[in-house]
Protein backbone atom coordinates (compact mmCIF):
# COMPACT_ATOMS: atom_id res chain seq x y z
CA MET A 1 0.00 0.00 0.00
CA LEU A 2 1.27 3.46 -0.91
CA GLN A 3 -0.20 6.74 0.26
CA LEU A 4 1.00 10.29 -0.47
CA SER A 5 -1.04 12.81 1.46
CA GLU A 6 -1.23 16.45 2.46
CA MET A 7 -3.26 15.32 5.47
CA PRO A 8 -1.50 14.40 8.73
CA LEU A 9 -0.30 10.81 9.02
CA ARG A 10 -1.50 8.85 12.04
CA ALA A 11 1.01 6.09 12.75
CA SER A 12 -1.36 4.22 15.09
CA GLU A 13 -3.98 3.98 12.34
CA LEU A 14 -1.40 2.92 9.76
CA ILE A 15 -0.11 0.19 12.10
CA LYS A 16 -3.63 -1.16 12.68
CA ALA A 17 -4.28 -1.27 8.93
CA LEU A 18 -0.96 -3.06 8.35
CA GLU A 19 -1.74 -5.59 11.09
CA LYS A 20 -5.08 -6.40 9.39
CA ARG A 21 -3.29 -7.09 6.09
CA SER A 22 -0.39 -9.09 7.57
CA ALA A 23 -2.01 -12.45 8.25
CA GLY A 24 0.58 -15.10 9.05
CA ALA A 25 3.30 -12.62 9.88
CA GLY A 26 5.59 -13.40 12.78
CA GLY A 27 7.31 -10.03 12.56
CA LEU A 28 5.95 -6.58 11.87
CA VAL A 29 8.40 -3.67 11.68
CA THR A 30 7.44 -0.01 11.46
CA PHE A 31 9.40 3.20 11.13
CA THR A 32 7.94 6.64 11.68
CA GLY A 33 9.97 9.73 10.76
CA GLN A 34 9.17 13.20 12.02
CA VAL A 35 10.14 16.73 11.05
CA ARG A 36 13.10 17.68 13.24
CA PRO A 37 12.93 20.91 15.24
CA GLU A 38 16.59 21.74 14.58
CA ALA A 39 18.77 21.82 11.47
CA LYS A 40 22.33 22.88 10.73
CA SER A 41 21.02 26.30 9.80
CA GLY A 42 18.93 26.87 12.95
CA SER A 43 15.51 26.18 14.41
CA VAL A 44 13.09 24.70 11.87
CA SER A 45 9.83 26.58 11.46
CA SER A 46 8.47 24.41 8.61
CA LEU A 47 9.29 21.83 5.98
CA PHE A 48 7.64 21.75 2.56
CA LEU A 49 7.68 18.62 0.39
CA GLN A 50 6.57 18.50 -3.21
CA ALA A 51 6.12 15.30 -5.20
CA TYR A 52 6.18 14.95 -8.96
CA SER A 53 3.14 12.82 -9.87
CA PRO A 54 3.05 10.21 -11.19
CA MET A 55 6.84 9.73 -11.18
CA THR A 56 7.12 9.87 -7.39
CA GLU A 57 4.42 7.23 -6.92
CA ASN A 58 5.77 5.02 -9.70
CA GLY A 59 9.26 5.04 -8.21
CA ILE A 60 8.02 4.18 -4.73
CA GLU A 61 5.77 1.43 -6.13
CA SER A 62 8.82 -0.02 -7.92
CA ALA A 63 10.80 0.03 -4.67
CA ILE A 64 7.93 -1.74 -2.89
CA ALA A 65 7.83 -4.36 -5.66
CA GLU A 66 11.59 -4.86 -5.36
CA ALA A 67 11.29 -5.29 -1.59
CA GLN A 68 8.57 -7.89 -2.14
CA CYS A 69 10.87 -9.76 -4.55
CA ARG A 70 13.88 -9.64 -2.21
CA TRP A 71 12.07 -10.65 1.00
CA PRO A 72 9.05 -12.88 1.71
CA LEU A 73 6.73 -10.12 2.86
CA THR A 74 3.08 -10.58 3.76
CA ALA A 75 2.31 -6.85 3.78
CA VAL A 76 3.95 -3.49 3.04
CA SER A 77 2.81 0.02 3.84
CA VAL A 78 4.47 3.29 2.80
CA ALA A 79 2.84 6.61 3.66
CA HIS A 80 4.54 9.94 2.97
CA ARG A 81 3.41 13.48 3.65
CA ILE A 82 3.60 16.18 1.04
CA GLY A 83 2.88 19.86 1.47
CA GLU A 84 3.73 21.99 4.49
CA MET A 85 4.66 20.40 7.81
CA LEU A 86 5.75 21.65 11.20
CA PRO A 87 8.37 20.26 13.60
CA GLY A 88 7.06 17.10 15.22
CA ASP A 89 4.72 16.25 12.33
CA THR A 90 5.02 12.74 10.94
CA ILE A 91 6.62 12.94 7.51
CA VAL A 92 6.95 9.23 6.67
CA PHE A 93 5.69 5.83 7.77
CA VAL A 94 7.09 2.53 6.53
CA GLY A 95 5.71 -0.80 7.70
CA THR A 96 6.66 -4.30 6.61
CA ALA A 97 5.44 -7.72 7.75
CA SER A 98 6.94 -11.14 7.20
CA ALA A 99 6.90 -14.60 8.73
CA HIS A 100 10.30 -13.82 10.24
CA ARG A 101 11.60 -10.59 11.79
CA ARG A 102 14.86 -10.28 9.82
CA ALA A 103 13.06 -9.99 6.48
CA ALA A 104 10.70 -7.36 7.91
CA PHE A 105 13.59 -5.32 9.35
CA GLU A 106 15.67 -5.46 6.17
CA ALA A 107 12.75 -4.62 3.89
CA ALA A 108 11.79 -1.59 6.01
CA ASP A 109 15.41 -0.41 6.02
CA PHE A 110 15.66 -0.88 2.24
CA LEU A 111 12.48 1.15 1.66
CA MET A 112 13.62 3.99 3.93
CA ASP A 113 16.97 4.14 2.13
CA TYR A 114 15.10 4.41 -1.17
CA LEU A 115 12.87 7.18 0.16
CA LYS A 116 15.86 9.13 1.48
CA THR A 117 17.97 8.92 -1.69
CA GLU A 118 15.92 8.08 -4.78
CA ALA A 119 12.28 9.06 -4.29
CA ILE A 120 11.35 12.15 -6.29
CA PHE A 121 10.60 14.78 -3.68
CA TRP A 122 11.68 18.38 -3.44
CA LYS A 123 12.25 19.39 0.19
CA ARG A 124 12.43 23.00 1.29
CA GLU A 125 13.22 23.79 4.89
CA SER A 126 12.48 27.13 6.56
CA THR A 127 14.68 27.90 9.55
CA SER A 128 15.62 30.84 11.72
CA SER A 129 18.46 31.50 9.21
CA GLY A 130 16.31 31.43 6.07
CA THR A 131 15.05 28.93 3.53
CA ASN A 132 17.10 26.18 1.90
CA TRP A 133 16.62 23.09 -0.24
CA ILE A 134 17.48 19.75 1.35
CA GLU A 135 19.51 17.15 -0.54
CA PRO A 136 20.36 13.62 0.61
CA ARG A 137 23.55 13.47 2.67
CA ALA A 138 26.62 11.39 1.76
CA GLU A 139 25.69 9.07 4.65
CA ASP A 140 22.28 8.48 3.07
CA TYR A 141 23.88 7.35 -0.19
CA SER A 142 26.36 5.19 1.71
CA ASP A 143 23.50 3.48 3.55
CA ALA A 144 21.60 2.90 0.30
CA SER A 145 24.66 1.42 -1.44
CA ARG A 146 24.31 -1.71 0.71
CA TRP A 147 21.35 -2.79 -1.37
CA THR A 148 23.05 -2.48 -4.78
CA GLU A 149 26.08 -4.43 -3.53
CA HIS A 150 23.86 -7.39 -2.63
CA LYS A 151 21.54 -7.53 -5.61
């Protein structure tokens, strides 16, 4: 399941929906990311994310399909906010379910690495020092390279 929304994400509701779809799973892993209150350039007042439809959705759907090929998953959920957000708002939710925990952990990690480095989003952060565009960090690309080394 993929959801891009300008509406707030409710992790508890997303977990319940994933649990309903994950029959037979022995492990269910979720990750919830929030807008940080601080950045290198000062206190964050807002974060704006823009997607490029349908390319953003197609890319994420492809990453979900790849995760389902790599690991024996019983359910996958990816929800991502777009639009304006404030510090503390949930920006992303990734949930994976599998018969065994390791597959669920690895698939969730793989999907988050994709979202951080490859998903087509433009991120603009407003801080006490001004407005700037956010790019993936070198560490993000390093994390994501694990998955291409083991294809």
